[in-house]
Full PDB file with SEQRES, HELIX, SHEET, SSBOND, CRYST1, ORIGX, SCALE, CONECT and MASTER records, all heavy atoms in Angstrom:
SEQRES   1 A   37  LEU ALA PRO GLU GLN GLU SER ALA LEU ALA LEU ALA LEU          
SEQRES   2 A   37  ARG GLU SER ALA THR ASN VAL LEU ARG HIS SER GLY ALA          
SEQRES   3 A   37  THR GLN VAL ARG ALA ALA LEU ARG ALA GLU GLY                  
HELIX    1 AA1 PRO A    3  ASN A   19  1                                  17    
HELIX    2 AA2 VAL A   20  SER A   24  3                                   5    
CRYST1    1.000    1.000    1.000  90.00  90.00  90.00 P 1           1          
ORIGX1      1.000000  0.000000  0.000000        0.00000                         
ORIGX2      0.000000  1.000000  0.000000        0.00000                         
ORIGX3      0.000000  0.000000  1.000000        0.00000                         
SCALE1      1.000000  0.000000  0.000000        0.00000                         
SCALE2      0.000000  1.000000  0.000000        0.00000                         
SCALE3      0.000000  0.000000  1.000000        0.00000                         
ATOM      1  N   LEU A   1     -32.557  61.494  52.182  1.00  0.00           N  
ATOM      2  CA  LEU A   1     -33.105  61.133  50.851  1.00  0.00           C  
ATOM      3  C   LEU A   1     -34.550  60.549  50.980  1.00  0.00           C  
ATOM      4  O   LEU A   1     -34.838  59.837  51.948  1.00  0.00           O  
ATOM      5  CB  LEU A   1     -32.273  60.005  50.151  1.00  0.00           C  
ATOM      6  CG  LEU A   1     -30.812  60.367  49.862  1.00  0.00           C  
ATOM      7  CD1 LEU A   1     -30.034  59.198  49.462  1.00  0.00           C  
ATOM      8  CD2 LEU A   1     -30.761  61.459  48.755  1.00  0.00           C  
ATOM      9  N   ALA A   2     -35.361  61.092  50.054  1.00  0.00           N  
ATOM     10  CA  ALA A   2     -36.704  60.454  49.944  1.00  0.00           C  
ATOM     11  C   ALA A   2     -36.580  59.018  49.306  1.00  0.00           C  
ATOM     12  O   ALA A   2     -35.526  58.886  48.636  1.00  0.00           O  
ATOM     13  CB  ALA A   2     -37.585  61.216  49.082  1.00  0.00           C  
ATOM     14  N   PRO A   3     -37.487  58.086  49.639  1.00  0.00           N  
ATOM     15  CA  PRO A   3     -37.310  56.797  49.046  1.00  0.00           C  
ATOM     16  C   PRO A   3     -37.139  56.801  47.567  1.00  0.00           C  
ATOM     17  O   PRO A   3     -36.316  55.986  46.958  1.00  0.00           O  
ATOM     18  CB  PRO A   3     -38.670  56.092  49.381  1.00  0.00           C  
ATOM     19  CG  PRO A   3     -39.058  56.881  50.643  1.00  0.00           C  
ATOM     20  CD  PRO A   3     -38.640  58.249  50.386  1.00  0.00           C  
ATOM     21  N   GLU A   4     -37.820  57.565  46.832  1.00  0.00           N  
ATOM     22  CA  GLU A   4     -37.724  57.578  45.415  1.00  0.00           C  
ATOM     23  C   GLU A   4     -36.357  58.149  44.913  1.00  0.00           C  
ATOM     24  O   GLU A   4     -35.845  57.762  43.882  1.00  0.00           O  
ATOM     25  CB  GLU A   4     -38.874  58.410  44.619  1.00  0.00           C  
ATOM     26  CG  GLU A   4     -38.957  59.755  45.097  1.00  0.00           C  
ATOM     27  CD  GLU A   4     -39.842  60.093  46.316  1.00  0.00           C  
ATOM     28  OE1 GLU A   4     -40.060  59.036  46.990  1.00  0.00           O  
ATOM     29  OE2 GLU A   4     -40.222  61.218  46.554  1.00  0.00           O  
ATOM     30  N   GLN A   5     -35.755  59.143  45.701  1.00  0.00           N  
ATOM     31  CA  GLN A   5     -34.441  59.657  45.462  1.00  0.00           C  
ATOM     32  C   GLN A   5     -33.488  58.549  45.666  1.00  0.00           C  
ATOM     33  O   GLN A   5     -32.499  58.424  44.800  1.00  0.00           O  
ATOM     34  CB  GLN A   5     -34.159  60.824  46.333  1.00  0.00           C  
ATOM     35  CG  GLN A   5     -34.944  62.087  45.877  1.00  0.00           C  
ATOM     36  CD  GLN A   5     -34.651  63.245  46.844  1.00  0.00           C  
ATOM     37  OE1 GLN A   5     -34.478  63.062  48.082  1.00  0.00           O  
ATOM     38  NE2 GLN A   5     -34.552  64.480  46.291  1.00  0.00           N  
ATOM     39  N   GLU A   6     -33.486  57.837  46.780  1.00  0.00           N  
ATOM     40  CA  GLU A   6     -32.530  56.770  47.027  1.00  0.00           C  
ATOM     41  C   GLU A   6     -32.593  55.726  45.961  1.00  0.00           C  
ATOM     42  O   GLU A   6     -31.564  55.155  45.516  1.00  0.00           O  
ATOM     43  CB  GLU A   6     -32.794  56.196  48.379  1.00  0.00           C  
ATOM     44  CG  GLU A   6     -31.790  55.194  48.896  1.00  0.00           C  
ATOM     45  CD  GLU A   6     -31.958  54.794  50.292  1.00  0.00           C  
ATOM     46  OE1 GLU A   6     -32.883  55.252  50.984  1.00  0.00           O  
ATOM     47  OE2 GLU A   6     -31.177  53.814  50.767  1.00  0.00           O  
ATOM     48  N   SER A   7     -33.814  55.342  45.577  1.00  0.00           N  
ATOM     49  CA  SER A   7     -33.913  54.316  44.490  1.00  0.00           C  
ATOM     50  C   SER A   7     -33.272  54.754  43.220  1.00  0.00           C  
ATOM     51  O   SER A   7     -32.571  54.008  42.550  1.00  0.00           O  
ATOM     52  CB  SER A   7     -35.390  53.981  44.341  1.00  0.00           C  
ATOM     53  OG  SER A   7     -35.494  53.054  43.291  1.00  0.00           O  
ATOM     54  N   ALA A   8     -33.504  56.026  42.868  1.00  0.00           N  
ATOM     55  CA  ALA A   8     -32.938  56.533  41.649  1.00  0.00           C  
ATOM     56  C   ALA A   8     -31.430  56.601  41.663  1.00  0.00           C  
ATOM     57  O   ALA A   8     -30.809  56.215  40.705  1.00  0.00           O  
ATOM     58  CB  ALA A   8     -33.613  57.920  41.294  1.00  0.00           C  
ATOM     59  N   LEU A   9     -30.876  57.087  42.776  1.00  0.00           N  
ATOM     60  CA  LEU A   9     -29.448  57.085  42.886  1.00  0.00           C  
ATOM     61  C   LEU A   9     -28.814  55.687  42.873  1.00  0.00           C  
ATOM     62  O   LEU A   9     -27.804  55.465  42.345  1.00  0.00           O  
ATOM     63  CB  LEU A   9     -29.051  57.825  44.210  1.00  0.00           C  
ATOM     64  CG  LEU A   9     -29.360  59.291  44.262  1.00  0.00           C  
ATOM     65  CD1 LEU A   9     -29.050  59.931  45.575  1.00  0.00           C  
ATOM     66  CD2 LEU A   9     -28.629  60.062  43.155  1.00  0.00           C  
ATOM     67  N   ALA A  10     -29.468  54.741  43.515  1.00  0.00           N  
ATOM     68  CA  ALA A  10     -28.980  53.375  43.486  1.00  0.00           C  
ATOM     69  C   ALA A  10     -28.979  52.755  42.029  1.00  0.00           C  
ATOM     70  O   ALA A  10     -28.024  52.116  41.688  1.00  0.00           O  
ATOM     71  CB  ALA A  10     -29.898  52.569  44.381  1.00  0.00           C  
ATOM     72  N   LEU A  11     -30.025  53.109  41.323  1.00  0.00           N  
ATOM     73  CA  LEU A  11     -30.092  52.564  39.967  1.00  0.00           C  
ATOM     74  C   LEU A  11     -28.971  53.241  39.019  1.00  0.00           C  
ATOM     75  O   LEU A  11     -28.444  52.713  38.115  1.00  0.00           O  
ATOM     76  CB  LEU A  11     -31.440  52.802  39.328  1.00  0.00           C  
ATOM     77  CG  LEU A  11     -32.500  51.918  39.975  1.00  0.00           C  
ATOM     78  CD1 LEU A  11     -33.940  52.336  39.441  1.00  0.00           C  
ATOM     79  CD2 LEU A  11     -32.293  50.451  39.549  1.00  0.00           C  
ATOM     80  N   ALA A  12     -28.750  54.511  39.379  1.00  0.00           N  
ATOM     81  CA  ALA A  12     -27.646  55.218  38.632  1.00  0.00           C  
ATOM     82  C   ALA A  12     -26.282  54.616  38.940  1.00  0.00           C  
ATOM     83  O   ALA A  12     -25.477  54.394  38.037  1.00  0.00           O  
ATOM     84  CB  ALA A  12     -27.634  56.793  39.036  1.00  0.00           C  
ATOM     85  N   LEU A  13     -26.094  54.246  40.215  1.00  0.00           N  
ATOM     86  CA  LEU A  13     -24.826  53.552  40.544  1.00  0.00           C  
ATOM     87  C   LEU A  13     -24.768  52.194  39.845  1.00  0.00           C  
ATOM     88  O   LEU A  13     -23.707  51.879  39.225  1.00  0.00           O  
ATOM     89  CB  LEU A  13     -24.779  53.388  42.059  1.00  0.00           C  
ATOM     90  CG  LEU A  13     -24.060  54.478  42.928  1.00  0.00           C  
ATOM     91  CD1 LEU A  13     -24.281  54.198  44.292  1.00  0.00           C  
ATOM     92  CD2 LEU A  13     -22.628  54.521  42.492  1.00  0.00           C  
ATOM     93  N   ARG A  14     -25.825  51.495  39.852  1.00  0.00           N  
ATOM     94  CA  ARG A  14     -25.818  50.126  39.236  1.00  0.00           C  
ATOM     95  C   ARG A  14     -25.512  50.307  37.593  1.00  0.00           C  
ATOM     96  O   ARG A  14     -24.791  49.490  37.164  1.00  0.00           O  
ATOM     97  CB  ARG A  14     -27.195  49.564  39.467  1.00  0.00           C  
ATOM     98  CG  ARG A  14     -27.406  48.249  38.726  1.00  0.00           C  
ATOM     99  CD  ARG A  14     -28.782  47.599  38.881  1.00  0.00           C  
ATOM    100  NE  ARG A  14     -28.854  47.087  40.219  1.00  0.00           N  
ATOM    101  CZ  ARG A  14     -29.124  45.849  40.517  1.00  0.00           C  
ATOM    102  NH1 ARG A  14     -29.262  44.959  39.548  1.00  0.00           N  
ATOM    103  NH2 ARG A  14     -29.221  45.437  41.806  1.00  0.00           N  
ATOM    104  N   GLU A  15     -26.164  51.212  37.086  1.00  0.00           N  
ATOM    105  CA  GLU A  15     -25.978  51.453  35.601  1.00  0.00           C  
ATOM    106  C   GLU A  15     -24.590  51.805  35.352  1.00  0.00           C  
ATOM    107  O   GLU A  15     -23.961  51.347  34.307  1.00  0.00           O  
ATOM    108  CB  GLU A  15     -26.912  52.401  35.015  1.00  0.00           C  
ATOM    109  CG  GLU A  15     -26.775  52.718  33.537  1.00  0.00           C  
ATOM    110  CD  GLU A  15     -27.043  51.429  32.700  1.00  0.00           C  
ATOM    111  OE1 GLU A  15     -27.733  50.553  33.168  1.00  0.00           O  
ATOM    112  OE2 GLU A  15     -26.426  51.494  31.551  1.00  0.00           O  
ATOM    113  N   SER A  16     -23.982  52.680  36.106  1.00  0.00           N  
ATOM    114  CA  SER A  16     -22.599  53.077  35.879  1.00  0.00           C  
ATOM    115  C   SER A  16     -21.612  51.973  36.021  1.00  0.00           C  
ATOM    116  O   SER A  16     -20.732  51.750  35.257  1.00  0.00           O  
ATOM    117  CB  SER A  16     -22.234  54.227  36.813  1.00  0.00           C  
ATOM    118  OG  SER A  16     -22.306  53.759  38.161  1.00  0.00           O  
ATOM    119  N   ALA A  17     -21.893  51.080  37.124  1.00  0.00           N  
ATOM    120  CA  ALA A  17     -21.111  49.824  37.264  1.00  0.00           C  
ATOM    121  C   ALA A  17     -21.136  48.891  36.118  1.00  0.00           C  
ATOM    122  O   ALA A  17     -20.164  48.296  35.683  1.00  0.00           O  
ATOM    123  CB  ALA A  17     -21.460  49.203  38.589  1.00  0.00           C  
ATOM    124  N   THR A  18     -22.363  48.732  35.641  1.00  0.00           N  
ATOM    125  CA  THR A  18     -22.591  47.831  34.434  1.00  0.00           C  
ATOM    126  C   THR A  18     -21.763  48.382  33.222  1.00  0.00           C  
ATOM    127  O   THR A  18     -21.225  47.619  32.522  1.00  0.00           O  
ATOM    128  CB  THR A  18     -24.105  47.841  34.157  1.00  0.00           C  
ATOM    129  OG1 THR A  18     -24.740  47.281  35.239  1.00  0.00           O  
ATOM    130  CG2 THR A  18     -24.309  46.881  32.918  1.00  0.00           C  
ATOM    131  N   ASN A  19     -21.902  49.613  33.004  1.00  0.00           N  
ATOM    132  CA  ASN A  19     -21.115  50.186  31.875  1.00  0.00           C  
ATOM    133  C   ASN A  19     -19.538  50.056  32.016  1.00  0.00           C  
ATOM    134  O   ASN A  19     -18.836  49.792  31.094  1.00  0.00           O  
ATOM    135  CB  ASN A  19     -21.456  51.672  31.695  1.00  0.00           C  
ATOM    136  CG  ASN A  19     -22.787  51.894  31.220  1.00  0.00           C  
ATOM    137  OD1 ASN A  19     -23.441  50.977  30.512  1.00  0.00           O  
ATOM    138  ND2 ASN A  19     -23.377  53.030  31.309  1.00  0.00           N  
ATOM    139  N   VAL A  20     -19.111  50.157  33.243  1.00  0.00           N  
ATOM    140  CA  VAL A  20     -17.655  49.979  33.582  1.00  0.00           C  
ATOM    141  C   VAL A  20     -17.315  48.502  33.214  1.00  0.00           C  
ATOM    142  O   VAL A  20     -16.325  48.321  32.580  1.00  0.00           O  
ATOM    143  CB  VAL A  20     -17.444  50.222  35.083  1.00  0.00           C  
ATOM    144  CG1 VAL A  20     -15.996  49.742  35.427  1.00  0.00           C  
ATOM    145  CG2 VAL A  20     -17.478  51.821  35.270  1.00  0.00           C  
ATOM    146  N   LEU A  21     -18.081  47.589  33.621  1.00  0.00           N  
ATOM    147  CA  LEU A  21     -17.794  46.162  33.363  1.00  0.00           C  
ATOM    148  C   LEU A  21     -17.903  45.868  31.858  1.00  0.00           C  
ATOM    149  O   LEU A  21     -17.075  45.133  31.392  1.00  0.00           O  
ATOM    150  CB  LEU A  21     -18.838  45.313  34.080  1.00  0.00           C  
ATOM    151  CG  LEU A  21     -18.671  45.183  35.628  1.00  0.00           C  
ATOM    152  CD1 LEU A  21     -19.917  44.406  36.191  1.00  0.00           C  
ATOM    153  CD2 LEU A  21     -17.386  44.475  35.962  1.00  0.00           C  
ATOM    154  N   ARG A  22     -18.731  46.450  31.110  1.00  0.00           N  
ATOM    155  CA  ARG A  22     -18.973  46.069  29.711  1.00  0.00           C  
ATOM    156  C   ARG A  22     -18.058  46.795  28.814  1.00  0.00           C  
ATOM    157  O   ARG A  22     -17.576  46.252  27.871  1.00  0.00           O  
ATOM    158  CB  ARG A  22     -20.505  46.408  29.393  1.00  0.00           C  
ATOM    159  CG  ARG A  22     -21.468  45.363  30.019  1.00  0.00           C  
ATOM    160  CD  ARG A  22     -22.876  45.911  29.421  1.00  0.00           C  
ATOM    161  NE  ARG A  22     -23.869  44.936  29.885  1.00  0.00           N  
ATOM    162  CZ  ARG A  22     -25.153  45.091  29.726  1.00  0.00           C  
ATOM    163  NH1 ARG A  22     -25.537  46.167  29.057  1.00  0.00           N  
ATOM    164  NH2 ARG A  22     -26.053  44.186  30.107  1.00  0.00           N  
ATOM    165  N   HIS A  23     -17.790  48.156  29.014  1.00  0.00           N  
ATOM    166  CA  HIS A  23     -17.279  48.956  27.932  1.00  0.00           C  
ATOM    167  C   HIS A  23     -16.033  49.657  28.392  1.00  0.00           C  
ATOM    168  O   HIS A  23     -15.204  50.007  27.394  1.00  0.00           O  
ATOM    169  CB  HIS A  23     -18.275  50.037  27.488  1.00  0.00           C  
ATOM    170  CG  HIS A  23     -19.659  49.488  27.301  1.00  0.00           C  
ATOM    171  ND1 HIS A  23     -19.955  48.517  26.409  1.00  0.00           N  
ATOM    172  CD2 HIS A  23     -20.824  49.842  27.856  1.00  0.00           C  
ATOM    173  CE1 HIS A  23     -21.254  48.304  26.340  1.00  0.00           C  
ATOM    174  NE2 HIS A  23     -21.800  49.029  27.328  1.00  0.00           N  
ATOM    175  N   SER A  24     -15.786  50.065  29.628  1.00  0.00           N  
ATOM    176  CA  SER A  24     -14.810  51.096  29.889  1.00  0.00           C  
ATOM    177  C   SER A  24     -13.353  50.516  29.917  1.00  0.00           C  
ATOM    178  O   SER A  24     -12.430  51.317  29.523  1.00  0.00           O  
ATOM    179  CB  SER A  24     -15.142  51.748  31.236  1.00  0.00           C  
ATOM    180  OG  SER A  24     -14.781  50.837  32.314  1.00  0.00           O  
ATOM    181  N   GLY A  25     -13.093  49.361  30.279  1.00  0.00           N  
ATOM    182  CA  GLY A  25     -11.771  48.891  30.511  1.00  0.00           C  
ATOM    183  C   GLY A  25     -11.023  49.492  31.652  1.00  0.00           C  
ATOM    184  O   GLY A  25      -9.890  49.573  31.695  1.00  0.00           O  
ATOM    185  N   ALA A  26     -11.877  50.011  32.585  1.00  0.00           N  
ATOM    186  CA  ALA A  26     -11.235  50.770  33.797  1.00  0.00           C  
ATOM    187  C   ALA A  26     -10.696  49.802  34.803  1.00  0.00           C  
ATOM    188  O   ALA A  26     -11.121  48.688  34.841  1.00  0.00           O  
ATOM    189  CB  ALA A  26     -12.309  51.693  34.421  1.00  0.00           C  
ATOM    190  N   THR A  27      -9.782  50.334  35.656  1.00  0.00           N  
ATOM    191  CA  THR A  27      -9.235  49.548  36.676  1.00  0.00           C  
ATOM    192  C   THR A  27      -9.595  50.221  38.130  1.00  0.00           C  
ATOM    193  O   THR A  27      -9.428  49.586  39.115  1.00  0.00           O  
ATOM    194  CB  THR A  27      -7.740  49.483  36.603  1.00  0.00           C  
ATOM    195  OG1 THR A  27      -7.132  50.783  36.597  1.00  0.00           O  
ATOM    196  CG2 THR A  27      -7.341  48.729  35.371  1.00  0.00           C  
ATOM    197  N   GLN A  28     -10.074  51.465  38.014  1.00  0.00           N  
ATOM    198  CA  GLN A  28     -10.548  52.132  39.237  1.00  0.00           C  
ATOM    199  C   GLN A  28     -11.900  52.830  39.054  1.00  0.00           C  
ATOM    200  O   GLN A  28     -12.068  53.459  37.973  1.00  0.00           O  
ATOM    201  CB  GLN A  28      -9.558  53.165  39.728  1.00  0.00           C  
ATOM    202  CG  GLN A  28      -8.195  52.525  40.206  1.00  0.00           C  
ATOM    203  CD  GLN A  28      -8.275  51.859  41.575  1.00  0.00           C  
ATOM    204  OE1 GLN A  28      -9.141  52.218  42.372  1.00  0.00           O  
ATOM    205  NE2 GLN A  28      -7.547  50.748  41.734  1.00  0.00           N  
ATOM    206  N   VAL A  29     -12.732  52.765  40.112  1.00  0.00           N  
ATOM    207  CA  VAL A  29     -14.018  53.508  40.034  1.00  0.00           C  
ATOM    208  C   VAL A  29     -14.165  54.230  41.308  1.00  0.00           C  
ATOM    209  O   VAL A  29     -13.922  53.659  42.332  1.00  0.00           O  
ATOM    210  CB  VAL A  29     -15.238  52.523  39.817  1.00  0.00           C  
ATOM    211  CG1 VAL A  29     -16.524  53.385  39.855  1.00  0.00           C  
ATOM    212  CG2 VAL A  29     -15.024  51.842  38.507  1.00  0.00           C  
ATOM    213  N   ARG A  30     -14.616  55.513  41.286  1.00  0.00           N  
ATOM    214  CA  ARG A  30     -14.780  56.318  42.450  1.00  0.00           C  
ATOM    215  C   ARG A  30     -16.225  56.900  42.455  1.00  0.00           C  
ATOM    216  O   ARG A  30     -16.684  57.244  41.387  1.00  0.00           O  
ATOM    217  CB  ARG A  30     -13.753  57.441  42.594  1.00  0.00           C  
ATOM    218  CG  ARG A  30     -12.397  57.004  42.880  1.00  0.00           C  
ATOM    219  CD  ARG A  30     -11.459  58.129  42.967  1.00  0.00           C  
ATOM    220  NE  ARG A  30     -10.089  57.754  43.351  1.00  0.00           N  
ATOM    221  CZ  ARG A  30      -9.681  57.557  44.649  1.00  0.00           C  
ATOM    222  NH1 ARG A  30     -10.485  57.776  45.601  1.00  0.00           N  
ATOM    223  NH2 ARG A  30      -8.440  57.079  44.828  1.00  0.00           N  
ATOM    224  N   ALA A  31     -16.853  56.751  43.580  1.00  0.00           N  
ATOM    225  CA  ALA A  31     -18.178  57.369  43.658  1.00  0.00           C  
ATOM    226  C   ALA A  31     -18.225  58.271  44.995  1.00  0.00           C  
ATOM    227  O   ALA A  31     -17.630  57.846  46.022  1.00  0.00           O  
ATOM    228  CB  ALA A  31     -19.301  56.279  43.773  1.00  0.00           C  
ATOM    229  N   ALA A  32     -19.040  59.363  44.830  1.00  0.00           N  
ATOM    230  CA  ALA A  32     -19.146  60.233  46.016  1.00  0.00           C  
ATOM    231  C   ALA A  32     -20.565  60.791  46.079  1.00  0.00           C  
ATOM    232  O   ALA A  32     -21.046  61.185  45.072  1.00  0.00           O  
ATOM    233  CB  ALA A  32     -18.075  61.417  45.808  1.00  0.00           C  
ATOM    234  N   LEU A  33     -21.032  60.732  47.248  1.00  0.00           N  
ATOM    235  CA  LEU A  33     -22.441  61.294  47.429  1.00  0.00           C  
ATOM    236  C   LEU A  33     -22.301  62.401  48.539  1.00  0.00           C  
ATOM    237  O   LEU A  33     -21.842  62.151  49.704  1.00  0.00           O  
ATOM    238  CB  LEU A  33     -23.358  60.339  47.927  1.00  0.00           C  
ATOM    239  CG  LEU A  33     -24.818  60.791  48.145  1.00  0.00           C  
ATOM    240  CD1 LEU A  33     -25.534  61.321  46.908  1.00  0.00           C  
ATOM    241  CD2 LEU A  33     -25.705  59.614  48.834  1.00  0.00           C  
ATOM    242  N   ARG A  34     -22.707  63.592  48.199  1.00  0.00           N  
ATOM    243  CA  ARG A  34     -22.562  64.698  49.141  1.00  0.00           C  
ATOM    244  C   ARG A  34     -23.657  65.805  48.914  1.00  0.00           C  
ATOM    245  O   ARG A  34     -24.392  65.729  47.932  1.00  0.00           O  
ATOM    246  CB  ARG A  34     -21.188  65.375  49.086  1.00  0.00           C  
ATOM    247  CG  ARG A  34     -20.974  65.985  47.675  1.00  0.00           C  
ATOM    248  CD  ARG A  34     -19.598  66.489  47.434  1.00  0.00           C  
ATOM    249  NE  ARG A  34     -19.379  66.937  46.091  1.00  0.00           N  
ATOM    250  CZ  ARG A  34     -19.136  66.351  44.978  1.00  0.00           C  
ATOM    251  NH1 ARG A  34     -19.101  65.024  45.066  1.00  0.00           N  
ATOM    252  NH2 ARG A  34     -19.020  66.969  43.866  1.00  0.00           N  
ATOM    253  N   ALA A  35     -23.732  66.661  49.869  1.00  0.00           N  
ATOM    254  CA  ALA A  35     -24.693  67.792  49.769  1.00  0.00           C  
ATOM    255  C   ALA A  35     -23.897  69.014  49.357  1.00  0.00           C  
ATOM    256  O   ALA A  35     -22.821  69.352  49.908  1.00  0.00           O  
ATOM    257  CB  ALA A  35     -25.385  68.047  51.114  1.00  0.00           C  
ATOM    258  N   GLU A  36     -24.473  69.764  48.310  1.00  0.00           N  
ATOM    259  CA  GLU A  36     -23.881  70.962  47.892  1.00  0.00           C  
ATOM    260  C   GLU A  36     -24.904  72.040  47.840  1.00  0.00           C  
ATOM    261  O   GLU A  36     -25.816  72.007  46.922  1.00  0.00           O  
ATOM    262  CB  GLU A  36     -23.249  70.765  46.474  1.00  0.00           C  
ATOM    263  CG  GLU A  36     -21.990  69.982  46.361  1.00  0.00           C  
ATOM    264  CD  GLU A  36     -21.384  69.890  45.024  1.00  0.00           C  
ATOM    265  OE1 GLU A  36     -21.973  70.588  44.160  1.00  0.00           O  
ATOM    266  OE2 GLU A  36     -20.407  69.224  44.891  1.00  0.00           O  
ATOM    267  N   GLY A  37     -24.938  72.900  48.877  1.00  0.00           N  
ATOM    268  CA  GLY A  37     -25.958  73.903  48.958  1.00  0.00           C  
ATOM    269  C   GLY A  37     -27.367  73.263  49.014  1.00  0.00           C  
ATOM    270  O   GLY A  37     -27.650  72.528  50.041  1.00  0.00           O  
TER     271      GLY A  37                                                      
MASTER        0    0    0    2    0    0    0    6  270    1    0    3          
END                                                                             
């Protein structure tokens, strides 16, 4: 990952976790980072 890519992915994770806490009512969260082609 380039530094700007890593930063963008980290912020995406953070925003998704914030939405889970605020709105979703979820009990489980899964995240996966992988290479596809």
